[in-house]
Every structure is written in C-alpha cells, then in structure tokens.
Amino acid sequence: MNGLVTFLIHIYAFTAAVPFLWFFVLWIGGYFWHRDGKRATKLAMDVTTLLLIGCVSVLFQDLFGSGFGFFLILLFFLIGYGLLGNFQYRVKGKINHARIVRLLWRIGFLTLSAVYLLFMIIGLGKSILSV
C-alpha cells in the first residue's frame, strides 16, 4: 500500500511540475475526443486547476518558507464560496451549489495561473540573485 501511495505522489509531482503543458495536452485530447473547443477548454481548465493548487502551494512554501500555502488557497476558495452563495441567495432566493463550485473552480484557474506566473518570476529572480 505504501508503494502505491508513493507512486501516486510521484505521478502527481511530475504532472504538477508543468501544469500548462498538461493544459495543452488535455485541450488537444479533449478537442479530438469531443470535437468541441469550448468543452475541451473547460475540461483542460478543470484538470489544470487541480495541478495549479499543488504547484502554487509548493511555490508559496519555497518563497516564504511557510507550509500555509495550501490552506491559504483553500481559505480563499471557502470565502469565495460563501460570498457567491450569499449573492446567489439574495438574487434568486435559492443556492445552486454545482454552479457556484463550477464558477469558483474556473475563477480559481485564472487566479492561480496569475499567481503561478508571479511566483515563478519571483522565484527565478530570487535564485538568479542568490548565485
């Protein structure tokens, strides 16, 4: 069992190391599978968001020396869920949980992509200056 967990962790670490490569691979695969660019884009965004969560939390740990990055990302998702749920309840009088999660996941992709690029630039600059 321990060997299987270690293997899965290594597979996830390999895929999370280059999340945008997997975005393009999944988009091309999804496009050829469904023949629909919009559906392929949504599929690629959804999977890449999962990879970006791990990658950004590791970059946060490397830059700031704190293991709080994953929990900070989770906190932002929970705050966003509360705000969107409150807004939807005030406007429509009911809450559609699936729609809120889908919207948060896609906003998370955009936000985490920007944070990933920012942290990568800062990390590269930090490593170049330390040499």
N, C-alpha and C. Protein backbone atom coordinates (compact mmCIF):
# COMPACT_ATOMS: atom_id res chain seq x y z
N MET A 1 0.82 -1.20 0.00
CA MET A 1 0.00 0.00 0.00
C MET A 1 0.87 1.26 0.00
N ASN A 2 1.95 1.23 0.78
CA ASN A 2 2.83 2.39 0.87
C ASN A 2 3.51 2.66 -0.47
N GLY A 3 3.85 1.61 -1.20
CA GLY A 3 4.47 1.78 -2.51
C GLY A 3 3.51 2.41 -3.51
N LEU A 4 2.23 2.07 -3.44
CA LEU A 4 1.23 2.63 -4.33
C LEU A 4 1.04 4.12 -4.05
N VAL A 5 1.00 4.48 -2.78
CA VAL A 5 0.86 5.89 -2.41
C VAL A 5 2.07 6.68 -2.88
N THR A 6 3.25 6.14 -2.71
CA THR A 6 4.46 6.81 -3.16
C THR A 6 4.46 6.97 -4.67
N PHE A 7 4.02 5.96 -5.39
CA PHE A 7 3.93 6.03 -6.84
C PHE A 7 2.94 7.12 -7.28
N LEU A 8 1.79 7.19 -6.63
CA LEU A 8 0.80 8.21 -6.97
C LEU A 8 1.31 9.62 -6.65
N ILE A 9 2.05 9.76 -5.57
CA ILE A 9 2.63 11.05 -5.23
C ILE A 9 3.65 11.47 -6.28
N HIS A 10 4.45 10.53 -6.76
CA HIS A 10 5.44 10.84 -7.80
C HIS A 10 4.76 11.22 -9.11
N ILE A 11 3.69 10.53 -9.46
CA ILE A 11 2.95 10.86 -10.68
C ILE A 11 2.36 12.26 -10.57
N TYR A 12 1.76 12.59 -9.42
CA TYR A 12 1.19 13.91 -9.23
C TYR A 12 2.28 14.99 -9.25
N ALA A 13 3.41 14.72 -8.63
CA ALA A 13 4.51 15.70 -8.62
C ALA A 13 5.02 15.95 -10.03
N PHE A 14 5.11 14.91 -10.85
CA PHE A 14 5.56 15.09 -12.22
C PHE A 14 4.57 15.92 -13.03
N THR A 15 3.29 15.63 -12.88
CA THR A 15 2.28 16.38 -13.65
C THR A 15 2.13 17.81 -13.13
N ALA A 16 2.29 18.03 -11.85
CA ALA A 16 2.14 19.37 -11.29
C ALA A 16 3.35 20.25 -11.57
N ALA A 17 4.46 19.65 -11.95
CA ALA A 17 5.66 20.45 -12.21
C ALA A 17 5.49 21.34 -13.43
N VAL A 18 4.72 20.92 -14.38
CA VAL A 18 4.49 21.70 -15.61
C VAL A 18 2.98 21.72 -15.92
N PRO A 19 2.21 22.48 -15.16
CA PRO A 19 0.75 22.42 -15.32
C PRO A 19 0.25 22.93 -16.67
N PHE A 20 0.95 23.89 -17.27
CA PHE A 20 0.44 24.43 -18.53
C PHE A 20 0.71 23.50 -19.70
N LEU A 21 1.74 22.67 -19.59
CA LEU A 21 1.94 21.64 -20.60
C LEU A 21 0.75 20.69 -20.61
N TRP A 22 0.29 20.32 -19.42
CA TRP A 22 -0.86 19.42 -19.33
C TRP A 22 -2.14 20.10 -19.79
N PHE A 23 -2.22 21.42 -19.62
CA PHE A 23 -3.38 22.14 -20.13
C PHE A 23 -3.49 21.94 -21.64
N PHE A 24 -2.38 22.13 -22.35
CA PHE A 24 -2.41 22.00 -23.80
C PHE A 24 -2.61 20.55 -24.23
N VAL A 25 -2.00 19.60 -23.52
CA VAL A 25 -2.19 18.19 -23.84
C VAL A 25 -3.65 17.80 -23.65
N LEU A 26 -4.25 18.21 -22.55
CA LEU A 26 -5.65 17.88 -22.29
C LEU A 26 -6.58 18.59 -23.26
N TRP A 27 -6.24 19.82 -23.64
CA TRP A 27 -7.09 20.54 -24.59
C TRP A 27 -7.09 19.83 -25.94
N ILE A 28 -5.91 19.44 -26.40
CA ILE A 28 -5.83 18.74 -27.69
C ILE A 28 -6.56 17.40 -27.62
N GLY A 29 -6.34 16.65 -26.54
CA GLY A 29 -7.05 15.37 -26.38
C GLY A 29 -8.55 15.55 -26.28
N GLY A 30 -9.00 16.54 -25.52
CA GLY A 30 -10.43 16.80 -25.39
C GLY A 30 -11.06 17.27 -26.69
N TYR A 31 -10.29 18.04 -27.46
CA TYR A 31 -10.82 18.52 -28.74
C TYR A 31 -10.99 17.37 -29.73
N PHE A 32 -10.00 16.49 -29.78
CA PHE A 32 -10.12 15.35 -30.70
C PHE A 32 -11.16 14.35 -30.23
N TRP A 33 -11.40 14.27 -28.91
CA TRP A 33 -12.38 13.33 -28.38
C TRP A 33 -13.80 13.83 -28.62
N HIS A 34 -14.06 15.11 -28.29
CA HIS A 34 -15.43 15.64 -28.37
C HIS A 34 -15.70 16.47 -29.61
N ARG A 35 -14.66 16.93 -30.29
CA ARG A 35 -14.80 17.83 -31.45
C ARG A 35 -15.51 19.13 -31.09
N ASP A 36 -15.25 19.60 -29.86
CA ASP A 36 -15.86 20.83 -29.39
C ASP A 36 -14.80 21.60 -28.60
N GLY A 37 -14.38 22.75 -29.12
CA GLY A 37 -13.32 23.53 -28.48
C GLY A 37 -13.71 24.07 -27.12
N LYS A 38 -14.97 24.49 -26.97
CA LYS A 38 -15.42 25.05 -25.70
C LYS A 38 -15.40 23.98 -24.60
N ARG A 39 -15.86 22.79 -24.93
CA ARG A 39 -15.89 21.70 -23.96
C ARG A 39 -14.47 21.25 -23.61
N ALA A 40 -13.59 21.24 -24.62
CA ALA A 40 -12.20 20.87 -24.39
C ALA A 40 -11.51 21.88 -23.48
N THR A 41 -11.80 23.16 -23.68
CA THR A 41 -11.21 24.20 -22.84
C THR A 41 -11.66 24.06 -21.40
N LYS A 42 -12.94 23.79 -21.19
CA LYS A 42 -13.44 23.61 -19.82
C LYS A 42 -12.81 22.41 -19.15
N LEU A 43 -12.66 21.31 -19.87
CA LEU A 43 -12.02 20.12 -19.32
C LEU A 43 -10.57 20.40 -18.94
N ALA A 44 -9.85 21.05 -19.84
CA ALA A 44 -8.44 21.35 -19.56
C ALA A 44 -8.30 22.31 -18.39
N MET A 45 -9.20 23.30 -18.29
CA MET A 45 -9.15 24.23 -17.16
C MET A 45 -9.41 23.52 -15.85
N ASP A 46 -10.38 22.61 -15.83
CA ASP A 46 -10.75 21.93 -14.60
C ASP A 46 -9.60 21.06 -14.07
N VAL A 47 -8.95 20.32 -14.95
CA VAL A 47 -7.86 19.45 -14.51
C VAL A 47 -6.64 20.28 -14.13
N THR A 48 -6.35 21.32 -14.89
CA THR A 48 -5.18 22.14 -14.62
C THR A 48 -5.33 22.90 -13.30
N THR A 49 -6.54 23.24 -12.92
CA THR A 49 -6.76 23.91 -11.64
C THR A 49 -6.28 23.03 -10.49
N LEU A 50 -6.58 21.74 -10.57
CA LEU A 50 -6.12 20.82 -9.53
C LEU A 50 -4.60 20.78 -9.46
N LEU A 51 -3.95 20.79 -10.62
CA LEU A 51 -2.49 20.79 -10.63
C LEU A 51 -1.92 22.12 -10.13
N LEU A 52 -2.59 23.21 -10.46
CA LEU A 52 -2.11 24.53 -10.03
C LEU A 52 -2.21 24.71 -8.53
N ILE A 53 -3.21 24.11 -7.91
CA ILE A 53 -3.34 24.23 -6.45
C ILE A 53 -2.09 23.66 -5.78
N GLY A 54 -1.67 22.48 -6.19
CA GLY A 54 -0.47 21.88 -5.61
C GLY A 54 0.79 22.65 -5.95
N CYS A 55 0.89 23.10 -7.18
CA CYS A 55 2.10 23.79 -7.63
C CYS A 55 2.25 25.15 -6.94
N VAL A 56 1.17 25.90 -6.84
CA VAL A 56 1.24 27.22 -6.20
C VAL A 56 1.51 27.07 -4.71
N SER A 57 0.96 26.05 -4.08
CA SER A 57 1.24 25.88 -2.65
C SER A 57 2.71 25.51 -2.41
N VAL A 58 3.32 24.74 -3.30
CA VAL A 58 4.75 24.42 -3.16
C VAL A 58 5.59 25.66 -3.44
N LEU A 59 5.23 26.45 -4.45
CA LEU A 59 5.96 27.68 -4.72
C LEU A 59 5.85 28.65 -3.54
N PHE A 60 4.68 28.72 -2.92
CA PHE A 60 4.48 29.55 -1.73
C PHE A 60 5.43 29.10 -0.62
N GLN A 61 5.54 27.80 -0.44
CA GLN A 61 6.42 27.27 0.60
C GLN A 61 7.88 27.59 0.30
N ASP A 62 8.27 27.48 -0.96
CA ASP A 62 9.66 27.79 -1.32
C ASP A 62 9.99 29.26 -1.16
N LEU A 63 9.06 30.13 -1.53
CA LEU A 63 9.33 31.57 -1.47
C LEU A 63 9.27 32.13 -0.06
N PHE A 64 8.27 31.71 0.70
CA PHE A 64 8.03 32.31 2.00
C PHE A 64 8.44 31.43 3.18
N GLY A 65 8.81 30.20 2.91
CA GLY A 65 9.24 29.31 3.99
C GLY A 65 8.12 28.89 4.91
N SER A 66 6.90 28.89 4.42
CA SER A 66 5.75 28.54 5.24
C SER A 66 4.93 27.47 4.52
N GLY A 67 4.45 26.50 5.25
CA GLY A 67 3.61 25.45 4.69
C GLY A 67 2.14 25.81 4.67
N PHE A 68 1.83 27.08 4.80
CA PHE A 68 0.45 27.54 4.90
C PHE A 68 -0.20 27.76 3.53
N GLY A 69 0.55 27.62 2.44
CA GLY A 69 0.06 27.96 1.11
C GLY A 69 -1.19 27.20 0.70
N PHE A 70 -1.21 25.88 0.93
CA PHE A 70 -2.39 25.09 0.57
C PHE A 70 -3.61 25.55 1.34
N PHE A 71 -3.43 25.80 2.62
CA PHE A 71 -4.56 26.22 3.45
C PHE A 71 -5.03 27.62 3.10
N LEU A 72 -4.11 28.48 2.66
CA LEU A 72 -4.49 29.81 2.20
C LEU A 72 -5.33 29.73 0.93
N ILE A 73 -4.95 28.86 0.01
CA ILE A 73 -5.73 28.65 -1.21
C ILE A 73 -7.11 28.11 -0.85
N LEU A 74 -7.15 27.13 0.04
CA LEU A 74 -8.42 26.57 0.49
C LEU A 74 -9.28 27.64 1.16
N LEU A 75 -8.67 28.50 1.95
CA LEU A 75 -9.39 29.59 2.60
C LEU A 75 -10.03 30.53 1.58
N PHE A 76 -9.27 30.88 0.53
CA PHE A 76 -9.82 31.75 -0.50
C PHE A 76 -10.99 31.09 -1.23
N PHE A 77 -10.88 29.78 -1.49
CA PHE A 77 -11.99 29.08 -2.12
C PHE A 77 -13.23 29.08 -1.22
N LEU A 78 -13.03 28.88 0.07
CA LEU A 78 -14.17 28.86 1.00
C LEU A 78 -14.80 30.25 1.15
N ILE A 79 -13.98 31.28 1.21
CA ILE A 79 -14.52 32.65 1.30
C ILE A 79 -15.27 32.98 0.02
N GLY A 80 -14.71 32.61 -1.12
CA GLY A 80 -15.39 32.84 -2.40
C GLY A 80 -16.71 32.10 -2.47
N TYR A 81 -16.75 30.87 -1.96
CA TYR A 81 -18.00 30.11 -1.95
C TYR A 81 -19.05 30.80 -1.09
N GLY A 82 -18.63 31.29 0.06
CA GLY A 82 -19.58 32.00 0.93
C GLY A 82 -20.11 33.27 0.29
N LEU A 83 -19.22 34.05 -0.34
CA LEU A 83 -19.65 35.29 -0.98
C LEU A 83 -20.58 35.02 -2.17
N LEU A 84 -20.21 34.05 -3.01
CA LEU A 84 -21.05 33.74 -4.16
C LEU A 84 -22.38 33.11 -3.74
N GLY A 85 -22.34 32.27 -2.71
CA GLY A 85 -23.58 31.68 -2.21
C GLY A 85 -24.51 32.74 -1.64
N ASN A 86 -23.97 33.68 -0.91
CA ASN A 86 -24.77 34.77 -0.36
C ASN A 86 -25.37 35.62 -1.48
N PHE A 87 -24.56 35.94 -2.48
CA PHE A 87 -25.04 36.74 -3.61
C PHE A 87 -26.15 36.01 -4.36
N GLN A 88 -25.95 34.71 -4.61
CA GLN A 88 -26.95 33.94 -5.34
C GLN A 88 -28.24 33.81 -4.53
N TYR A 89 -28.12 33.67 -3.22
CA TYR A 89 -29.32 33.56 -2.39
C TYR A 89 -30.09 34.88 -2.38
N ARG A 90 -29.38 36.00 -2.33
CA ARG A 90 -30.06 37.30 -2.34
C ARG A 90 -30.74 37.58 -3.67
N VAL A 91 -30.14 37.16 -4.78
CA VAL A 91 -30.70 37.45 -6.10
C VAL A 91 -31.81 36.47 -6.45
N LYS A 92 -31.59 35.17 -6.26
CA LYS A 92 -32.54 34.16 -6.73
C LYS A 92 -33.37 33.52 -5.63
N GLY A 93 -32.96 33.68 -4.39
CA GLY A 93 -33.70 33.08 -3.29
C GLY A 93 -33.36 31.63 -3.03
N LYS A 94 -32.46 31.07 -3.79
CA LYS A 94 -32.00 29.69 -3.57
C LYS A 94 -30.55 29.58 -4.01
N ILE A 95 -29.90 28.49 -3.59
CA ILE A 95 -28.48 28.32 -3.88
C ILE A 95 -28.31 27.09 -4.76
N ASN A 96 -27.62 27.27 -5.88
CA ASN A 96 -27.25 26.17 -6.77
C ASN A 96 -25.77 25.87 -6.52
N HIS A 97 -25.52 24.83 -5.71
CA HIS A 97 -24.16 24.53 -5.28
C HIS A 97 -23.24 24.15 -6.44
N ALA A 98 -23.75 23.38 -7.37
CA ALA A 98 -22.92 22.94 -8.51
C ALA A 98 -22.47 24.14 -9.33
N ARG A 99 -23.33 25.09 -9.53
CA ARG A 99 -22.98 26.27 -10.33
C ARG A 99 -21.92 27.12 -9.61
N ILE A 100 -22.05 27.25 -8.30
CA ILE A 100 -21.08 28.02 -7.52
C ILE A 100 -19.71 27.35 -7.57
N VAL A 101 -19.67 26.03 -7.38
CA VAL A 101 -18.39 25.31 -7.40
C VAL A 101 -17.75 25.40 -8.78
N ARG A 102 -18.54 25.26 -9.83
CA ARG A 102 -18.00 25.36 -11.19
C ARG A 102 -17.43 26.75 -11.45
N LEU A 103 -18.15 27.79 -11.03
CA LEU A 103 -17.66 29.16 -11.20
C LEU A 103 -16.40 29.41 -10.40
N LEU A 104 -16.37 28.96 -9.15
CA LEU A 104 -15.18 29.13 -8.31
C LEU A 104 -13.98 28.39 -8.88
N TRP A 105 -14.22 27.20 -9.39
CA TRP A 105 -13.13 26.40 -9.94
C TRP A 105 -12.51 27.10 -11.14
N ARG A 106 -13.35 27.71 -11.99
CA ARG A 106 -12.84 28.39 -13.18
C ARG A 106 -12.19 29.73 -12.82
N ILE A 107 -12.75 30.44 -11.86
CA ILE A 107 -12.08 31.66 -11.38
C ILE A 107 -10.76 31.30 -10.71
N GLY A 108 -10.76 30.18 -9.99
CA GLY A 108 -9.53 29.69 -9.38
C GLY A 108 -8.45 29.40 -10.40
N PHE A 109 -8.84 28.87 -11.56
CA PHE A 109 -7.87 28.62 -12.63
C PHE A 109 -7.21 29.92 -13.06
N LEU A 110 -8.02 30.94 -13.30
CA LEU A 110 -7.46 32.22 -13.75
C LEU A 110 -6.57 32.85 -12.67
N THR A 111 -7.04 32.85 -11.45
CA THR A 111 -6.29 33.45 -10.35
C THR A 111 -5.00 32.67 -10.07
N LEU A 112 -5.11 31.35 -9.99
CA LEU A 112 -3.93 30.54 -9.70
C LEU A 112 -2.93 30.60 -10.85
N SER A 113 -3.39 30.75 -12.07
CA SER A 113 -2.47 30.90 -13.20
C SER A 113 -1.65 32.17 -13.05
N ALA A 114 -2.31 33.26 -12.69
CA ALA A 114 -1.59 34.53 -12.50
C ALA A 114 -0.63 34.43 -11.32
N VAL A 115 -1.06 33.82 -10.23
CA VAL A 115 -0.19 33.67 -9.06
C VAL A 115 0.98 32.74 -9.37
N TYR A 116 0.72 31.69 -10.14
CA TYR A 116 1.79 30.77 -10.55
C TYR A 116 2.86 31.52 -11.35
N LEU A 117 2.44 32.30 -12.32
CA LEU A 117 3.40 33.05 -13.12
C LEU A 117 4.17 34.06 -12.26
N LEU A 118 3.47 34.75 -11.37
CA LEU A 118 4.11 35.70 -10.48
C LEU A 118 5.14 35.02 -9.58
N PHE A 119 4.75 33.92 -8.96
CA PHE A 119 5.67 33.20 -8.07
C PHE A 119 6.85 32.62 -8.84
N MET A 120 6.62 32.17 -10.07
CA MET A 120 7.72 31.64 -10.87
C MET A 120 8.73 32.74 -11.20
N ILE A 121 8.24 33.92 -11.56
CA ILE A 121 9.14 35.04 -11.87
C ILE A 121 9.91 35.46 -10.63
N ILE A 122 9.22 35.56 -9.51
CA ILE A 122 9.89 35.93 -8.26
C ILE A 122 10.91 34.86 -7.86
N GLY A 123 10.53 33.58 -7.97
CA GLY A 123 11.44 32.50 -7.63
C GLY A 123 12.66 32.45 -8.52
N LEU A 124 12.46 32.68 -9.82
CA LEU A 124 13.60 32.71 -10.74
C LEU A 124 14.52 33.89 -10.42
N GLY A 125 13.92 35.05 -10.16
CA GLY A 125 14.72 36.21 -9.79
C GLY A 125 15.48 35.99 -8.50
N LYS A 126 14.83 35.37 -7.55
CA LYS A 126 15.47 35.10 -6.26
C LYS A 126 16.63 34.12 -6.42
N SER A 127 16.45 33.10 -7.25
CA SER A 127 17.53 32.13 -7.44
C SER A 127 18.67 32.71 -8.26
N ILE A 128 18.37 33.58 -9.22
CA ILE A 128 19.44 34.21 -10.01
C ILE A 128 20.25 35.16 -9.15
N LEU A 129 19.57 35.93 -8.30
CA LEU A 129 20.27 36.89 -7.46
C LEU A 129 21.08 36.24 -6.34
N SER A 130 20.70 35.03 -5.95
CA SER A 130 21.42 34.37 -4.86
C SER A 130 22.70 33.70 -5.35
N VAL A 131 22.87 33.59 -6.65
CA VAL A 131 24.07 32.94 -7.19
C VAL A 131 25.22 33.86 -7.22
